[in-house]
């Protein structure tokens, strides 16, 4: 995917209470995010998907429709119209006391910033185009200000890119019930998190989820279980190593 004057980033998090936390989402230009939105809503209407699309809603009667739903984004990826990125963090090694003053929300958003900076903003900023980023995160209950995230990203981008402008225009929460992009993220990220945290042996897991997870992994051409450190490509998986990790 090439850079553009205006780029939109849609991100989510998953498995915040499991061994590995995952952050993930996609980046694309304005026309692409409008196009994929229209296509996903038309698909939902055509196939009678009236509920919110979620990883946790993936069941046998809906399996084929969920496959068709995620196939839409994989087509956009194959056409190089957008890029999807994953970042995993091993929760046991997050040292909230040393680095975040025991503030878990600060730690949570600091890690979010790491992904947004290194997987999206730095590689896709284009100085000649003066790229502007518009970031949409899955809404969650928090007192932490997203304006702090925006300011931190802009400061780090200015330092890394040696620029004077502020590329991150805004960061806004999006209710997944009303945002089809976040619903799409939830399914893709849920599958990656399922495999990364090795949920296959859980007795309450349906075959539909197991098959969906394997299907998304195959389409992604990424081994979600294996530790990887890739920042490049249309789809990439970054196992972020904390200083306290072995």
C-alpha atoms as a PDB file:
ATOM      1  CA  UNK A   1       0.000   0.000   0.000  1.00  0.00           C
ATOM      2  CA  UNK A   2       1.320   3.434  -0.935  1.00  0.00           C
ATOM      3  CA  UNK A   3       1.179   6.508   1.244  1.00  0.00           C
ATOM      4  CA  UNK A   4      -1.388   9.221   0.658  1.00  0.00           C
ATOM      5  CA  UNK A   5      -2.217  12.767   1.709  1.00  0.00           C
ATOM      6  CA  UNK A   6      -4.879  11.500   4.134  1.00  0.00           C
ATOM      7  CA  UNK A   7      -4.735   8.078   5.780  1.00  0.00           C
ATOM      8  CA  UNK A   8      -7.253   6.448   8.098  1.00  0.00           C
ATOM      9  CA  UNK A   9      -6.289   3.943  10.781  1.00  0.00           C
ATOM     10  CA  UNK A  10      -8.826   1.666  12.506  1.00  0.00           C
ATOM     11  CA  UNK A  11      -7.510  -0.241  15.521  1.00  0.00           C
ATOM     12  CA  UNK A  12      -8.732  -2.531  18.278  1.00  0.00           C
ATOM     13  CA  UNK A  13      -7.337  -4.680  21.077  1.00  0.00           C
ATOM     14  CA  UNK A  14      -8.078  -8.261  22.107  1.00  0.00           C
ATOM     15  CA  UNK A  15      -7.388 -10.790  24.860  1.00  0.00           C
ATOM     16  CA  UNK A  16      -6.423  -8.187  27.453  1.00  0.00           C
ATOM     17  CA  UNK A  17      -6.697 -10.804  30.216  1.00  0.00           C
ATOM     18  CA  UNK A  18      -4.902 -13.646  28.420  1.00  0.00           C
ATOM     19  CA  UNK A  19      -1.216 -14.507  28.215  1.00  0.00           C
ATOM     20  CA  UNK A  20      -0.787 -12.412  25.081  1.00  0.00           C
ATOM     21  CA  UNK A  21      -2.544  -9.097  24.473  1.00  0.00           C
ATOM     22  CA  UNK A  22      -3.002  -8.240  20.819  1.00  0.00           C
ATOM     23  CA  UNK A  23      -3.370  -4.849  19.187  1.00  0.00           C
ATOM     24  CA  UNK A  24      -4.330  -4.718  15.548  1.00  0.00           C
ATOM     25  CA  UNK A  25      -5.976  -2.896  12.708  1.00  0.00           C
ATOM     26  CA  UNK A  26      -5.664  -1.527   9.220  1.00  0.00           C
ATOM     27  CA  UNK A  27      -4.622   1.602   7.371  1.00  0.00           C
ATOM     28  CA  UNK A  28      -5.984   2.929   4.080  1.00  0.00           C
ATOM     29  CA  UNK A  29      -6.860   6.115   2.241  1.00  0.00           C
ATOM     30  CA  UNK A  30     -10.215   7.905   2.409  1.00  0.00           C
ATOM     31  CA  UNK A  31     -11.732   6.375  -0.729  1.00  0.00           C
ATOM     32  CA  UNK A  32     -10.816   2.858   0.405  1.00  0.00           C
ATOM     33  CA  UNK A  33     -12.300   3.239   3.869  1.00  0.00           C
ATOM     34  CA  UNK A  34     -15.524   4.543   2.296  1.00  0.00           C
ATOM     35  CA  UNK A  35     -15.561   1.720  -0.247  1.00  0.00           C
ATOM     36  CA  UNK A  36     -15.000  -1.052   2.261  1.00  0.00           C
ATOM     37  CA  UNK A  37     -17.632   0.444   4.557  1.00  0.00           C
ATOM     38  CA  UNK A  38     -20.261   0.413   1.805  1.00  0.00           C
ATOM     39  CA  UNK A  39     -19.358  -3.108   0.710  1.00  0.00           C
ATOM     40  CA  UNK A  40     -19.443  -4.543   4.235  1.00  0.00           C
ATOM     41  CA  UNK A  41     -22.834  -3.000   5.001  1.00  0.00           C
ATOM     42  CA  UNK A  42     -24.241  -4.301   1.711  1.00  0.00           C
ATOM     43  CA  UNK A  43     -22.907  -7.760   2.520  1.00  0.00           C
ATOM     44  CA  UNK A  44     -24.540  -7.706   5.957  1.00  0.00           C
ATOM     45  CA  UNK A  45     -27.881  -6.652   4.513  1.00  0.00           C
ATOM     46  CA  UNK A  46     -27.780  -9.204   1.688  1.00  0.00           C
ATOM     47  CA  UNK A  47     -26.978 -12.094   4.025  1.00  0.00           C
ATOM     48  CA  UNK A  48     -29.260 -11.157   6.898  1.00  0.00           C
ATOM     49  CA  UNK A  49     -26.506 -10.328   9.377  1.00  0.00           C
ATOM     50  CA  UNK A  50     -28.530  -8.006  11.572  1.00  0.00           C
ATOM     51  CA  UNK A  51     -26.433  -8.299  14.723  1.00  0.00           C
ATOM     52  CA  UNK A  52     -23.050  -6.725  15.316  1.00  0.00           C
ATOM     53  CA  UNK A  53     -20.314  -8.799  13.671  1.00  0.00           C
ATOM     54  CA  UNK A  54     -18.027 -10.051  16.424  1.00  0.00           C
ATOM     55  CA  UNK A  55     -15.518 -12.833  16.943  1.00  0.00           C
ATOM     56  CA  UNK A  56     -17.613 -14.080  19.871  1.00  0.00           C
ATOM     57  CA  UNK A  57     -20.687 -14.324  17.612  1.00  0.00           C
ATOM     58  CA  UNK A  58     -18.970 -16.735  15.203  1.00  0.00           C
ATOM     59  CA  UNK A  59     -21.046 -19.925  15.335  1.00  0.00           C
ATOM     60  CA  UNK A  60     -21.738 -22.819  12.952  1.00  0.00           C
ATOM     61  CA  UNK A  61     -24.924 -21.360  11.355  1.00  0.00           C
ATOM     62  CA  UNK A  62     -23.051 -18.141  10.528  1.00  0.00           C
ATOM     63  CA  UNK A  63     -19.711 -19.643   9.528  1.00  0.00           C
ATOM     64  CA  UNK A  64     -20.021 -19.311   5.733  1.00  0.00           C
ATOM     65  CA  UNK A  65     -21.320 -15.762   6.047  1.00  0.00           C
ATOM     66  CA  UNK A  66     -18.443 -14.799   8.338  1.00  0.00           C
ATOM     67  CA  UNK A  67     -16.004 -16.255   5.796  1.00  0.00           C
ATOM     68  CA  UNK A  68     -17.584 -14.091   3.089  1.00  0.00           C
ATOM     69  CA  UNK A  69     -17.408 -11.058   5.382  1.00  0.00           C
ATOM     70  CA  UNK A  70     -13.657 -11.352   6.087  1.00  0.00           C
ATOM     71  CA  UNK A  71     -12.925 -12.253   2.451  1.00  0.00           C
ATOM     72  CA  UNK A  72     -13.798  -8.665   1.579  1.00  0.00           C
ATOM     73  CA  UNK A  73     -10.836  -7.235   3.473  1.00  0.00           C
ATOM     74  CA  UNK A  74      -8.485  -9.900   2.130  1.00  0.00           C
ATOM     75  CA  UNK A  75      -9.429  -8.844  -1.390  1.00  0.00           C
ATOM     76  CA  UNK A  76      -8.561  -5.227  -0.545  1.00  0.00           C
ATOM     77  CA  UNK A  77      -5.260  -6.416   0.920  1.00  0.00           C
ATOM     78  CA  UNK A  78      -4.442  -8.471  -2.193  1.00  0.00           C
ATOM     79  CA  UNK A  79      -5.179  -5.392  -4.302  1.00  0.00           C
ATOM     80  CA  UNK A  80      -2.754  -3.438  -2.071  1.00  0.00           C
ATOM     81  CA  UNK A  81      -5.426  -0.932  -1.145  1.00  0.00           C
ATOM     82  CA  UNK A  82      -4.897  -1.368   2.595  1.00  0.00           C
ATOM     83  CA  UNK A  83      -2.476  -2.937   5.070  1.00  0.00           C
ATOM     84  CA  UNK A  84      -3.327  -4.881   8.223  1.00  0.00           C
ATOM     85  CA  UNK A  85      -0.948  -5.003  11.198  1.00  0.00           C
ATOM     86  CA  UNK A  86      -0.819  -7.060  14.400  1.00  0.00           C
ATOM     87  CA  UNK A  87       1.225  -6.502  17.551  1.00  0.00           C
ATOM     88  CA  UNK A  88       1.365  -8.961  20.460  1.00  0.00           C
ATOM     89  CA  UNK A  89       2.613  -8.286  23.982  1.00  0.00           C
ATOM     90  CA  UNK A  90       3.224 -10.918  26.661  1.00  0.00           C
ATOM     91  CA  UNK A  91       1.194  -9.606  29.571  1.00  0.00           C
ATOM     92  CA  UNK A  92       3.348 -11.117  32.347  1.00  0.00           C
ATOM     93  CA  UNK A  93       6.282  -8.905  31.339  1.00  0.00           C
ATOM     94  CA  UNK A  94       4.445  -5.584  31.444  1.00  0.00           C
ATOM     95  CA  UNK A  95       6.091  -3.818  34.390  1.00  0.00           C
ATOM     96  CA  UNK A  96       3.388  -1.336  35.366  1.00  0.00           C
ATOM     97  CA  UNK A  97       5.166  -0.333  38.589  1.00  0.00           C
ATOM     98  CA  UNK A  98       8.536   0.590  37.066  1.00  0.00           C
ATOM     99  CA  UNK A  99       7.411   2.227  33.842  1.00  0.00           C
ATOM    100  CA  UNK A 100       3.849   3.411  34.400  1.00  0.00           C
ATOM    101  CA  UNK A 101       3.563   4.232  38.100  1.00  0.00           C
ATOM    102  CA  UNK A 102       1.139   1.312  38.588  1.00  0.00           C
ATOM    103  CA  UNK A 103      -1.215   2.992  36.122  1.00  0.00           C
ATOM    104  CA  UNK A 104      -2.543   0.167  33.919  1.00  0.00           C
ATOM    105  CA  UNK A 105      -4.414   2.535  31.617  1.00  0.00           C
ATOM    106  CA  UNK A 106      -1.215   4.472  30.983  1.00  0.00           C
ATOM    107  CA  UNK A 107       0.538   1.196  30.195  1.00  0.00           C
ATOM    108  CA  UNK A 108      -2.290   0.067  27.935  1.00  0.00           C
ATOM    109  CA  UNK A 109      -2.204   3.230  25.829  1.00  0.00           C
ATOM    110  CA  UNK A 110       1.580   3.427  25.832  1.00  0.00           C
ATOM    111  CA  UNK A 111       1.628   0.029  24.129  1.00  0.00           C
ATOM    112  CA  UNK A 112      -1.110   1.177  21.760  1.00  0.00           C
ATOM    113  CA  UNK A 113       1.129   4.113  20.852  1.00  0.00           C
ATOM    114  CA  UNK A 114       3.998   1.743  20.080  1.00  0.00           C
ATOM    115  CA  UNK A 115       1.922  -0.013  17.446  1.00  0.00           C
ATOM    116  CA  UNK A 116       0.429   3.156  15.999  1.00  0.00           C
ATOM    117  CA  UNK A 117       3.858   4.755  15.751  1.00  0.00           C
ATOM    118  CA  UNK A 118       6.014   1.914  14.426  1.00  0.00           C
ATOM    119  CA  UNK A 119       3.526  -0.058  12.319  1.00  0.00           C
ATOM    120  CA  UNK A 120       1.431   2.778  10.901  1.00  0.00           C
ATOM    121  CA  UNK A 121       2.615   6.359  11.292  1.00  0.00           C
ATOM    122  CA  UNK A 122       6.365   6.045  10.722  1.00  0.00           C
ATOM    123  CA  UNK A 123       6.247   3.712   7.680  1.00  0.00           C
ATOM    124  CA  UNK A 124       3.332   5.465   5.965  1.00  0.00           C
ATOM    125  CA  UNK A 125       4.212   9.105   6.562  1.00  0.00           C
ATOM    126  CA  UNK A 126       5.243  10.847   3.345  1.00  0.00           C
ATOM    127  CA  UNK A 127       7.008  14.173   3.725  1.00  0.00           C
ATOM    128  CA  UNK A 128       6.303  15.357   0.173  1.00  0.00           C
ATOM    129  CA  UNK A 129       2.572  14.680   0.657  1.00  0.00           C
ATOM    130  CA  UNK A 130       2.537  16.004   4.251  1.00  0.00           C
ATOM    131  CA  UNK A 131       0.505  12.937   5.215  1.00  0.00           C
ATOM    132  CA  UNK A 132      -2.268  13.447   7.748  1.00  0.00           C
ATOM    133  CA  UNK A 133      -3.464  10.571   9.945  1.00  0.00           C
ATOM    134  CA  UNK A 134      -7.004  10.132  11.231  1.00  0.00           C
ATOM    135  CA  UNK A 135      -7.087   7.385  13.867  1.00  0.00           C
ATOM    136  CA  UNK A 136     -10.189   5.524  15.064  1.00  0.00           C
ATOM    137  CA  UNK A 137      -9.951   3.236  18.102  1.00  0.00           C
ATOM    138  CA  UNK A 138     -12.537   0.851  19.471  1.00  0.00           C
ATOM    139  CA  UNK A 139     -14.398   2.723  22.216  1.00  0.00           C
ATOM    140  CA  UNK A 140     -13.734   1.545  25.764  1.00  0.00           C
ATOM    141  CA  UNK A 141     -14.483   2.851  29.241  1.00  0.00           C
ATOM    142  CA  UNK A 142     -11.456   4.843  30.378  1.00  0.00           C
ATOM    143  CA  UNK A 143     -10.440   8.140  31.946  1.00  0.00           C
ATOM    144  CA  UNK A 144      -7.298   8.275  29.843  1.00  0.00           C
ATOM    145  CA  UNK A 145      -7.347  11.072  27.300  1.00  0.00           C
ATOM    146  CA  UNK A 146      -6.892  10.157  23.663  1.00  0.00           C
ATOM    147  CA  UNK A 147      -5.544  13.669  23.212  1.00  0.00           C
ATOM    148  CA  UNK A 148      -2.497  12.504  25.215  1.00  0.00           C
ATOM    149  CA  UNK A 149      -2.026   9.676  22.728  1.00  0.00           C
ATOM    150  CA  UNK A 150      -2.262  12.124  19.810  1.00  0.00           C
ATOM    151  CA  UNK A 151       0.253  14.537  21.349  1.00  0.00           C
ATOM    152  CA  UNK A 152       2.708  11.747  22.149  1.00  0.00           C
ATOM    153  CA  UNK A 153       2.479  10.340  18.631  1.00  0.00           C
ATOM    154  CA  UNK A 154       3.021  13.744  17.052  1.00  0.00           C
ATOM    155  CA  UNK A 155       6.035  14.465  19.235  1.00  0.00           C
ATOM    156  CA  UNK A 156       7.626  11.112  18.445  1.00  0.00           C
ATOM    157  CA  UNK A 157       6.879  11.489  14.730  1.00  0.00           C
ATOM    158  CA  UNK A 158       8.409  14.963  14.662  1.00  0.00           C
ATOM    159  CA  UNK A 159      11.573  13.566  16.255  1.00  0.00           C
ATOM    160  CA  UNK A 160      11.851  10.459  14.083  1.00  0.00           C
ATOM    161  CA  UNK A 161      10.982  12.153  10.790  1.00  0.00           C
ATOM    162  CA  UNK A 162      12.698  15.488  11.521  1.00  0.00           C
ATOM    163  CA  UNK A 163       9.529  17.413  10.684  1.00  0.00           C
ATOM    164  CA  UNK A 164       7.832  20.497  12.092  1.00  0.00           C
ATOM    165  CA  UNK A 165       4.223  19.550  11.349  1.00  0.00           C
ATOM    166  CA  UNK A 166       1.719  17.538  13.403  1.00  0.00           C
ATOM    167  CA  UNK A 167       0.678  14.595  11.188  1.00  0.00           C
ATOM    168  CA  UNK A 168      -1.842  12.996  13.570  1.00  0.00           C
ATOM    169  CA  UNK A 169      -4.912  15.188  13.154  1.00  0.00           C
ATOM    170  CA  UNK A 170      -7.182  13.395  15.593  1.00  0.00           C
ATOM    171  CA  UNK A 171      -7.780  10.145  17.480  1.00  0.00           C
ATOM    172  CA  UNK A 172     -11.418   9.316  18.123  1.00  0.00           C
ATOM    173  CA  UNK A 173     -13.250   6.387  19.743  1.00  0.00           C
ATOM    174  CA  UNK A 174     -15.760   4.426  17.698  1.00  0.00           C
ATOM    175  CA  UNK A 175     -18.616   2.341  19.066  1.00  0.00           C
ATOM    176  CA  UNK A 176     -18.235  -1.053  17.388  1.00  0.00           C
ATOM    177  CA  UNK A 177     -22.005  -1.439  17.133  1.00  0.00           C
ATOM    178  CA  UNK A 178     -22.012   1.576  14.799  1.00  0.00           C
ATOM    179  CA  UNK A 179     -18.633   1.158  13.089  1.00  0.00           C
ATOM    180  CA  UNK A 180     -18.324  -1.656  10.549  1.00  0.00           C
ATOM    181  CA  UNK A 181     -14.539  -1.183  10.317  1.00  0.00           C
ATOM    182  CA  UNK A 182     -14.151  -2.008  14.021  1.00  0.00           C
ATOM    183  CA  UNK A 183     -16.436  -5.029  13.617  1.00  0.00           C
ATOM    184  CA  UNK A 184     -14.167  -6.307  10.866  1.00  0.00           C
ATOM    185  CA  UNK A 185     -11.121  -5.754  13.072  1.00  0.00           C
ATOM    186  CA  UNK A 186     -12.772  -7.674  15.899  1.00  0.00           C
ATOM    187  CA  UNK A 187     -13.100 -10.843  13.803  1.00  0.00           C
ATOM    188  CA  UNK A 188      -9.599 -10.709  12.283  1.00  0.00           C
ATOM    189  CA  UNK A 189      -7.933  -9.824  15.568  1.00  0.00           C
ATOM    190  CA  UNK A 190     -10.036 -12.344  17.484  1.00  0.00           C
ATOM    191  CA  UNK A 191      -8.796 -15.141  15.224  1.00  0.00           C
ATOM    192  CA  UNK A 192      -5.160 -14.112  15.644  1.00  0.00           C
ATOM    193  CA  UNK A 193      -5.592 -13.859  19.411  1.00  0.00           C
ATOM    194  CA  UNK A 194      -7.287 -17.270  19.496  1.00  0.00           C
ATOM    195  CA  UNK A 195      -4.267 -18.914  17.882  1.00  0.00           C
ATOM    196  CA  UNK A 196      -1.615 -16.861  19.691  1.00  0.00           C
ATOM    197  CA  UNK A 197      -3.138 -17.841  23.051  1.00  0.00           C
ATOM    198  CA  UNK A 198      -3.656 -21.469  21.927  1.00  0.00           C
ATOM    199  CA  UNK A 199      -7.394 -21.687  22.609  1.00  0.00           C
ATOM    200  CA  UNK A 200      -7.920 -24.875  20.585  1.00  0.00           C
ATOM    201  CA  UNK A 201      -8.015 -27.105  23.676  1.00  0.00           C
ATOM    202  CA  UNK A 202     -10.632 -25.070  25.545  1.00  0.00           C
ATOM    203  CA  UNK A 203     -13.608 -27.387  25.958  1.00  0.00           C
ATOM    204  CA  UNK A 204     -16.228 -24.709  25.316  1.00  0.00           C
ATOM    205  CA  UNK A 205     -14.782 -23.580  21.979  1.00  0.00           C
ATOM    206  CA  UNK A 206     -16.895 -24.365  18.929  1.00  0.00           C
ATOM    207  CA  UNK A 207     -15.575 -25.957  15.746  1.00  0.00           C
ATOM    208  CA  UNK A 208     -16.775 -22.850  13.911  1.00  0.00           C
ATOM    209  CA  UNK A 209     -14.310 -20.662  15.826  1.00  0.00           C
ATOM    210  CA  UNK A 210     -11.478 -23.148  15.368  1.00  0.00           C
ATOM    211  CA  UNK A 211     -12.103 -23.315  11.638  1.00  0.00           C
ATOM    212  CA  UNK A 212     -12.501 -19.555  11.320  1.00  0.00           C
ATOM    213  CA  UNK A 213      -9.225 -18.955  13.156  1.00  0.00           C
ATOM    214  CA  UNK A 214      -7.380 -21.351  10.859  1.00  0.00           C
ATOM    215  CA  UNK A 215      -9.042 -19.857   7.781  1.00  0.00           C
ATOM    216  CA  UNK A 216      -7.994 -16.309   8.690  1.00  0.00           C
ATOM    217  CA  UNK A 217      -4.455 -17.477   9.491  1.00  0.00           C
ATOM    218  CA  UNK A 218      -4.217 -19.185   6.088  1.00  0.00           C
ATOM    219  CA  UNK A 219      -5.538 -16.105   4.263  1.00  0.00           C
ATOM    220  CA  UNK A 220      -3.138 -13.891   6.212  1.00  0.00           C
ATOM    221  CA  UNK A 221      -0.144 -16.086   5.355  1.00  0.00           C
ATOM    222  CA  UNK A 222       1.099 -15.499   8.896  1.00  0.00           C
ATOM    223  CA  UNK A 223       1.812 -18.051  11.607  1.00  0.00           C
ATOM    224  CA  UNK A 224       0.078 -16.304  14.517  1.00  0.00           C
ATOM    225  CA  UNK A 225       1.501 -18.751  17.058  1.00  0.00           C
ATOM    226  CA  UNK A 226       5.128 -18.374  16.064  1.00  0.00           C
ATOM    227  CA  UNK A 227       7.087 -15.440  17.449  1.00  0.00           C
ATOM    228  CA  UNK A 228       7.677 -13.036  14.600  1.00  0.00           C
ATOM    229  CA  UNK A 229       9.167  -9.585  14.352  1.00  0.00           C
ATOM    230  CA  UNK A 230       7.985  -8.224  11.045  1.00  0.00           C
ATOM    231  CA  UNK A 231       6.968  -4.616  10.490  1.00  0.00           C
ATOM    232  CA  UNK A 232       6.845  -4.815   6.695  1.00  0.00           C
ATOM    233  CA  UNK A 233       4.309  -6.133   4.231  1.00  0.00           C
ATOM    234  CA  UNK A 234       0.583  -5.787   3.550  1.00  0.00           C
ATOM    235  CA  UNK A 235      -0.011  -7.971   6.598  1.00  0.00           C
ATOM    236  CA  UNK A 236       2.584  -8.233   9.342  1.00  0.00           C
ATOM    237  CA  UNK A 237       2.791  -9.572  12.891  1.00  0.00           C
ATOM    238  CA  UNK A 238       5.103  -7.916  15.415  1.00  0.00           C
ATOM    239  CA  UNK A 239       5.875  -9.693  18.696  1.00  0.00           C
ATOM    240  CA  UNK A 240       6.833  -6.678  20.755  1.00  0.00           C
ATOM    241  CA  UNK A 241       9.516  -7.585  23.297  1.00  0.00           C
ATOM    242  CA  UNK A 242       9.471  -5.732  26.589  1.00  0.00           C
ATOM    243  CA  UNK A 243      12.717  -4.994  28.418  1.00  0.00           C
ATOM    244  CA  UNK A 244      11.777  -7.366  31.241  1.00  0.00           C
ATOM    245  CA  UNK A 245      11.126 -10.283  28.852  1.00  0.00           C
ATOM    246  CA  UNK A 246      13.798 -12.974  28.470  1.00  0.00           C
END
